[in-house]
Amino acid sequence: MPLRRATVRHARQVRETLKPIFPGYLFNRFGESHSDWRKVNATTGVSKLISFAQNLLAPVPQELIDSLRLRCDQKNILLPLTDLAAGVRVKVLSGAFWEFNGQVETLLQGDCTQLLLEFMGQTTRVDISKIEPERSEI
């Protein structure tokens, strides 16, 4: 279960805690027969397994699981991306600037990055959190 650090503010106190990246989800590997998934689906506390049809579970690509494991430390805390640096081309994957391409200008504290985006005929500086590097070459 990959975790992330989160700051909690309550009653004028600030503390850091760990929260799951995917709250409420459990990743499980089933045997070749896939027959044992019905037992998990019937377990107390399990809402339901994600499936596309009544008898077909929704598989998570092994590459995704492997890449998440590689980005976690020994305590399963998801580490920040290390391949981001000033000048790297990126693509915004969600939010108001979804599908915009830009260039990293500055890495800010925490999970934020300052990007230079081109739209409406000009270059604009935008602070965005949680970005992934663009898959294509610069």
C-alpha atoms as a PDB file:
ATOM      1  CA  MET A   1       0.000   0.000   0.000  1.00  0.00           C
ATOM      2  CA  PRO A   2       1.855   3.122  -1.133  1.00  0.00           C
ATOM      3  CA  LEU A   3       1.622   6.012   1.318  1.00  0.00           C
ATOM      4  CA  ARG A   4       2.149   9.765   1.127  1.00  0.00           C
ATOM      5  CA  ARG A   5       3.031  12.324   3.773  1.00  0.00           C
ATOM      6  CA  ALA A   6       0.179  14.685   4.631  1.00  0.00           C
ATOM      7  CA  THR A   7       0.005  17.701   6.928  1.00  0.00           C
ATOM      8  CA  VAL A   8      -2.962  17.711   9.292  1.00  0.00           C
ATOM      9  CA  ARG A   9      -4.090  20.923  10.982  1.00  0.00           C
ATOM     10  CA  HIS A  10      -6.466  20.608  13.912  1.00  0.00           C
ATOM     11  CA  ALA A  11      -7.126  22.857  16.921  1.00  0.00           C
ATOM     12  CA  ARG A  12      -4.111  25.074  16.163  1.00  0.00           C
ATOM     13  CA  GLN A  13      -1.837  22.062  15.996  1.00  0.00           C
ATOM     14  CA  VAL A  14       0.037  20.928  12.915  1.00  0.00           C
ATOM     15  CA  ARG A  15       1.315  17.394  12.567  1.00  0.00           C
ATOM     16  CA  GLU A  16       2.486  15.179   9.751  1.00  0.00           C
ATOM     17  CA  THR A  17       0.797  11.859   9.103  1.00  0.00           C
ATOM     18  CA  LEU A  18       0.862   9.130   6.477  1.00  0.00           C
ATOM     19  CA  LYS A  19      -2.142   8.582   4.221  1.00  0.00           C
ATOM     20  CA  PRO A  20      -2.697   5.959   1.514  1.00  0.00           C
ATOM     21  CA  ILE A  21      -2.256   7.054  -2.095  1.00  0.00           C
ATOM     22  CA  PHE A  22      -5.286   4.923  -3.011  1.00  0.00           C
ATOM     23  CA  PRO A  23      -7.565   5.057   0.060  1.00  0.00           C
ATOM     24  CA  GLY A  24     -10.034   2.209   0.232  1.00  0.00           C
ATOM     25  CA  TYR A  25      -8.241   0.107  -2.392  1.00  0.00           C
ATOM     26  CA  LEU A  26      -6.316  -3.125  -1.973  1.00  0.00           C
ATOM     27  CA  PHE A  27      -4.223  -4.640  -4.734  1.00  0.00           C
ATOM     28  CA  ASN A  28      -4.273  -8.424  -4.838  1.00  0.00           C
ATOM     29  CA  ARG A  29      -2.665 -11.001  -7.108  1.00  0.00           C
ATOM     30  CA  PHE A  30      -4.797 -14.038  -7.827  1.00  0.00           C
ATOM     31  CA  GLY A  31      -3.748 -17.486  -8.974  1.00  0.00           C
ATOM     32  CA  GLU A  32      -3.971 -18.683 -12.559  1.00  0.00           C
ATOM     33  CA  SER A  33      -7.506 -20.023 -12.083  1.00  0.00           C
ATOM     34  CA  HIS A  34      -8.815 -16.686 -10.728  1.00  0.00           C
ATOM     35  CA  SER A  35     -11.364 -18.773  -8.824  1.00  0.00           C
ATOM     36  CA  ASP A  36     -10.266 -17.567  -5.388  1.00  0.00           C
ATOM     37  CA  TRP A  37     -11.429 -13.966  -5.984  1.00  0.00           C
ATOM     38  CA  ARG A  38     -14.990 -14.809  -4.981  1.00  0.00           C
ATOM     39  CA  LYS A  39     -13.780 -15.486  -1.420  1.00  0.00           C
ATOM     40  CA  VAL A  40     -12.256 -12.011  -1.230  1.00  0.00           C
ATOM     41  CA  ASN A  41     -15.416 -10.431  -2.634  1.00  0.00           C
ATOM     42  CA  ALA A  42     -17.413 -12.102   0.165  1.00  0.00           C
ATOM     43  CA  THR A  43     -15.040 -11.018   2.959  1.00  0.00           C
ATOM     44  CA  THR A  44     -16.384  -8.659   5.635  1.00  0.00           C
ATOM     45  CA  GLY A  45     -15.126  -5.130   5.007  1.00  0.00           C
ATOM     46  CA  VAL A  46     -14.649  -5.592   1.263  1.00  0.00           C
ATOM     47  CA  SER A  47     -17.152  -3.516  -0.708  1.00  0.00           C
ATOM     48  CA  LYS A  48     -16.503  -5.286  -3.985  1.00  0.00           C
ATOM     49  CA  LEU A  49     -13.726  -6.129  -6.362  1.00  0.00           C
ATOM     50  CA  ILE A  50     -13.448  -3.923  -9.414  1.00  0.00           C
ATOM     51  CA  SER A  51     -14.580  -5.796 -12.479  1.00  0.00           C
ATOM     52  CA  PHE A  52     -15.602  -5.054 -16.055  1.00  0.00           C
ATOM     53  CA  ALA A  53     -18.197  -7.795 -16.159  1.00  0.00           C
ATOM     54  CA  GLN A  54     -19.662 -10.176 -13.640  1.00  0.00           C
ATOM     55  CA  ASN A  55     -16.840 -12.724 -13.989  1.00  0.00           C
ATOM     56  CA  LEU A  56     -13.938 -10.599 -15.291  1.00  0.00           C
ATOM     57  CA  LEU A  57     -11.752  -8.755 -12.785  1.00  0.00           C
ATOM     58  CA  ALA A  58     -10.180  -5.441 -13.782  1.00  0.00           C
ATOM     59  CA  PRO A  59      -6.438  -6.120 -14.003  1.00  0.00           C
ATOM     60  CA  VAL A  60      -3.887  -3.496 -13.015  1.00  0.00           C
ATOM     61  CA  PRO A  61      -0.911  -3.542 -15.400  1.00  0.00           C
ATOM     62  CA  GLN A  62       2.158  -5.108 -13.778  1.00  0.00           C
ATOM     63  CA  GLU A  63       4.262  -2.209 -15.091  1.00  0.00           C
ATOM     64  CA  LEU A  64       2.204   0.206 -12.969  1.00  0.00           C
ATOM     65  CA  ILE A  65       2.651  -1.905  -9.827  1.00  0.00           C
ATOM     66  CA  ASP A  66       6.402  -2.244 -10.501  1.00  0.00           C
ATOM     67  CA  SER A  67       6.844   1.496 -11.057  1.00  0.00           C
ATOM     68  CA  LEU A  68       4.944   2.289  -7.826  1.00  0.00           C
ATOM     69  CA  ARG A  69       7.147  -0.148  -5.898  1.00  0.00           C
ATOM     70  CA  LEU A  70      10.296   1.406  -7.345  1.00  0.00           C
ATOM     71  CA  ARG A  71       9.176   4.882  -6.228  1.00  0.00           C
ATOM     72  CA  CYS A  72       8.495   3.763  -2.631  1.00  0.00           C
ATOM     73  CA  ASP A  73      11.026   3.634   0.197  1.00  0.00           C
ATOM     74  CA  GLN A  74      11.333   0.814   2.782  1.00  0.00           C
ATOM     75  CA  LYS A  75       8.292   2.179   4.687  1.00  0.00           C
ATOM     76  CA  ASN A  76       6.164   2.223   1.486  1.00  0.00           C
ATOM     77  CA  ILE A  77       6.196   6.029   1.326  1.00  0.00           C
ATOM     78  CA  LEU A  78       5.937   7.233  -2.258  1.00  0.00           C
ATOM     79  CA  LEU A  79       9.023   9.278  -3.074  1.00  0.00           C
ATOM     80  CA  PRO A  80       8.827  12.389  -5.273  1.00  0.00           C
ATOM     81  CA  LEU A  81       9.740  12.159  -8.926  1.00  0.00           C
ATOM     82  CA  THR A  82      13.481  12.464  -9.337  1.00  0.00           C
ATOM     83  CA  ASP A  83      13.642  13.035 -13.078  1.00  0.00           C
ATOM     84  CA  LEU A  84      12.020  16.469 -12.966  1.00  0.00           C
ATOM     85  CA  ALA A  85      14.368  19.400 -13.396  1.00  0.00           C
ATOM     86  CA  ALA A  86      14.250  22.868 -14.848  1.00  0.00           C
ATOM     87  CA  GLY A  87      13.832  22.668 -18.610  1.00  0.00           C
ATOM     88  CA  VAL A  88      12.128  19.233 -18.721  1.00  0.00           C
ATOM     89  CA  ARG A  89       9.054  19.049 -20.983  1.00  0.00           C
ATOM     90  CA  VAL A  90       5.895  17.799 -19.252  1.00  0.00           C
ATOM     91  CA  LYS A  91       2.232  17.183 -19.995  1.00  0.00           C
ATOM     92  CA  VAL A  92      -0.498  18.153 -17.520  1.00  0.00           C
ATOM     93  CA  LEU A  93      -2.626  15.057 -16.845  1.00  0.00           C
ATOM     94  CA  SER A  94      -5.552  16.557 -14.931  1.00  0.00           C
ATOM     95  CA  GLY A  95      -7.079  19.770 -13.664  1.00  0.00           C
ATOM     96  CA  ALA A  96      -7.761  23.090 -15.337  1.00  0.00           C
ATOM     97  CA  PHE A  97      -4.726  22.787 -17.636  1.00  0.00           C
ATOM     98  CA  TRP A  98      -5.413  19.172 -18.642  1.00  0.00           C
ATOM     99  CA  GLU A  99      -3.625  18.127 -21.856  1.00  0.00           C
ATOM    100  CA  PHE A 100      -1.423  21.265 -21.902  1.00  0.00           C
ATOM    101  CA  ASN A 101       2.265  20.763 -22.639  1.00  0.00           C
ATOM    102  CA  GLY A 102       4.769  22.886 -20.818  1.00  0.00           C
ATOM    103  CA  GLN A 103       8.259  23.217 -19.476  1.00  0.00           C
ATOM    104  CA  VAL A 104       9.384  22.976 -15.847  1.00  0.00           C
ATOM    105  CA  GLU A 105      10.710  26.330 -14.707  1.00  0.00           C
ATOM    106  CA  THR A 106      11.213  25.721 -10.979  1.00  0.00           C
ATOM    107  CA  LEU A 107      10.655  22.877  -8.515  1.00  0.00           C
ATOM    108  CA  LEU A 108       8.803  24.311  -5.535  1.00  0.00           C
ATOM    109  CA  GLN A 109       8.586  22.881  -2.023  1.00  0.00           C
ATOM    110  CA  GLY A 110       6.366  19.867  -1.490  1.00  0.00           C
ATOM    111  CA  ASP A 111       4.612  18.409  -4.499  1.00  0.00           C
ATOM    112  CA  CYS A 112       4.403  21.638  -6.518  1.00  0.00           C
ATOM    113  CA  THR A 113       6.189  22.631  -9.688  1.00  0.00           C
ATOM    114  CA  GLN A 114       6.209  25.937 -11.534  1.00  0.00           C
ATOM    115  CA  LEU A 115       5.542  25.439 -15.252  1.00  0.00           C
ATOM    116  CA  LEU A 116       5.733  27.654 -18.287  1.00  0.00           C
ATOM    117  CA  LEU A 117       2.638  26.988 -20.431  1.00  0.00           C
ATOM    118  CA  GLU A 118       1.932  28.501 -23.812  1.00  0.00           C
ATOM    119  CA  PHE A 119      -1.678  29.409 -24.460  1.00  0.00           C
ATOM    120  CA  MET A 120      -3.641  32.332 -25.820  1.00  0.00           C
ATOM    121  CA  GLY A 121      -0.532  33.496 -27.684  1.00  0.00           C
ATOM    122  CA  GLN A 122       1.704  33.977 -24.677  1.00  0.00           C
ATOM    123  CA  THR A 123       3.830  32.077 -22.184  1.00  0.00           C
ATOM    124  CA  THR A 124       2.290  31.943 -18.713  1.00  0.00           C
ATOM    125  CA  ARG A 125       3.807  30.797 -15.422  1.00  0.00           C
ATOM    126  CA  VAL A 126       1.572  28.352 -13.509  1.00  0.00           C
ATOM    127  CA  ASP A 127       2.068  26.479 -10.211  1.00  0.00           C
ATOM    128  CA  ILE A 128       0.838  22.893 -10.517  1.00  0.00           C
ATOM    129  CA  SER A 129       1.020  19.921  -8.162  1.00  0.00           C
ATOM    130  CA  LYS A 130       1.659  16.254  -8.907  1.00  0.00           C
ATOM    131  CA  ILE A 131       2.921  16.186 -12.461  1.00  0.00           C
ATOM    132  CA  GLU A 132       4.384  13.298 -14.408  1.00  0.00           C
ATOM    133  CA  PRO A 133       7.057  13.656 -17.073  1.00  0.00           C
ATOM    134  CA  GLU A 134       5.908  13.552 -20.686  1.00  0.00           C
ATOM    135  CA  ARG A 135       6.654  10.230 -22.352  1.00  0.00           C
ATOM    136  CA  SER A 136       8.032  11.702 -25.577  1.00  0.00           C
ATOM    137  CA  GLU A 137      11.567  12.989 -26.067  1.00  0.00           C
ATOM    138  CA  ILE A 138      12.401  16.689 -25.776  1.00  0.00           C
END
